Amino acid sequence: MQCMLLKNNNKIILYKDFVFKQGKKASKKISKRLLLLTPKEISWYHNIKEYETNKPALGIIKVEDIYKVSETVM
């Protein structure tokens, strides 16, 4: 993973990379998501194309709402 400072779609992107998530259903399928960190929010999309075509994010977390961060070992 690497830190990036990009300006895209009038947003400053501090970090952009793919992350993996495991589903809740019985199959527990692992899915890849595009994660973006800006000074104001963390957002994620299915892929780069969704982001570049200005589709709504699958989820958004405002940085001001984060009160604790901890590192985990997997």
Protein backbone atom coordinates (compact mmCIF):
# COMPACT_ATOMS: atom_id res chain seq x y z
CA MET A 1 0.00 0.00 0.00
CA GLN A 2 1.19 3.49 -0.68
CA CYS A 3 0.24 7.04 0.23
CA MET A 4 -0.96 9.21 -2.63
CA LEU A 5 -1.94 12.81 -3.06
CA LEU A 6 -4.13 13.10 -6.13
CA LYS A 7 -6.69 15.60 -7.25
CA ASN A 8 -9.57 13.94 -9.06
CA ASN A 9 -13.21 14.98 -9.50
CA ASN A 10 -12.41 18.17 -7.54
CA LYS A 11 -11.43 16.09 -4.48
CA ILE A 12 -8.02 15.76 -2.89
CA ILE A 13 -7.36 12.05 -2.47
CA LEU A 14 -4.93 11.25 0.33
CA TYR A 15 -5.06 7.48 -0.17
CA LYS A 16 -6.46 5.22 -2.88
CA ASP A 17 -6.18 1.43 -2.89
CA PHE A 18 -8.15 -1.79 -3.00
CA VAL A 19 -9.28 -3.55 0.16
CA PHE A 20 -11.00 -6.89 0.67
CA LYS A 21 -14.14 -7.58 2.69
CA GLN A 22 -15.81 -10.80 3.70
CA GLY A 23 -19.56 -11.16 3.35
CA LYS A 24 -21.94 -12.00 6.18
CA LYS A 25 -23.93 -14.70 4.40
CA ALA A 26 -23.20 -18.42 4.70
CA SER A 27 -20.86 -18.38 1.68
CA LYS A 28 -18.70 -15.65 3.31
CA LYS A 29 -17.62 -14.54 -0.16
CA ILE A 30 -14.59 -12.22 -0.25
CA SER A 31 -15.08 -9.09 -2.37
CA LYS A 32 -12.65 -6.43 -3.57
CA ARG A 33 -13.53 -2.75 -3.04
CA LEU A 34 -11.90 0.54 -4.06
CA LEU A 35 -11.20 2.60 -0.93
CA LEU A 36 -10.65 6.37 -1.08
CA LEU A 37 -9.52 8.59 1.78
CA THR A 38 -10.03 12.34 1.45
CA PRO A 39 -9.49 14.97 4.15
CA LYS A 40 -13.22 14.82 4.96
CA GLU A 41 -14.31 11.20 4.38
CA ILE A 42 -13.57 7.56 3.67
CA SER A 43 -15.63 6.11 0.83
CA TRP A 44 -15.70 2.82 -1.06
CA TYR A 45 -16.90 1.59 -4.45
CA HIS A 46 -17.16 -1.73 -6.28
CA ASN A 47 -14.46 -0.64 -8.74
CA ILE A 48 -12.62 2.33 -10.29
CA LYS A 49 -15.17 2.66 -13.10
CA GLU A 50 -17.98 3.38 -10.60
CA TYR A 51 -15.89 6.14 -9.03
CA GLU A 52 -14.82 7.67 -12.34
CA THR A 53 -18.42 7.75 -13.65
CA ASN A 54 -19.56 9.59 -10.49
CA LYS A 55 -21.82 6.79 -9.26
CA PRO A 56 -22.75 7.06 -5.58
CA ALA A 57 -20.36 5.39 -3.14
CA LEU A 58 -21.39 2.09 -1.55
CA GLY A 59 -20.60 3.69 1.79
CA ILE A 60 -19.16 6.83 3.34
CA ILE A 61 -17.66 7.47 6.75
CA LYS A 62 -17.02 11.09 7.67
CA VAL A 63 -13.59 11.56 9.25
CA GLU A 64 -15.10 13.78 11.95
CA ASP A 65 -17.23 10.79 13.10
CA ILE A 66 -14.19 8.51 13.70
CA TYR A 67 -13.28 8.39 17.37
CA LYS A 68 -10.91 5.41 17.56
CA VAL A 69 -8.63 3.52 15.17
CA SER A 70 -6.73 0.34 15.96
CA GLU A 71 -4.46 -1.88 13.92
CA THR A 72 -5.23 -5.58 13.58
CA VAL A 73 -3.07 -8.48 12.47
CA MET A 74 -4.64 -10.91 10.05
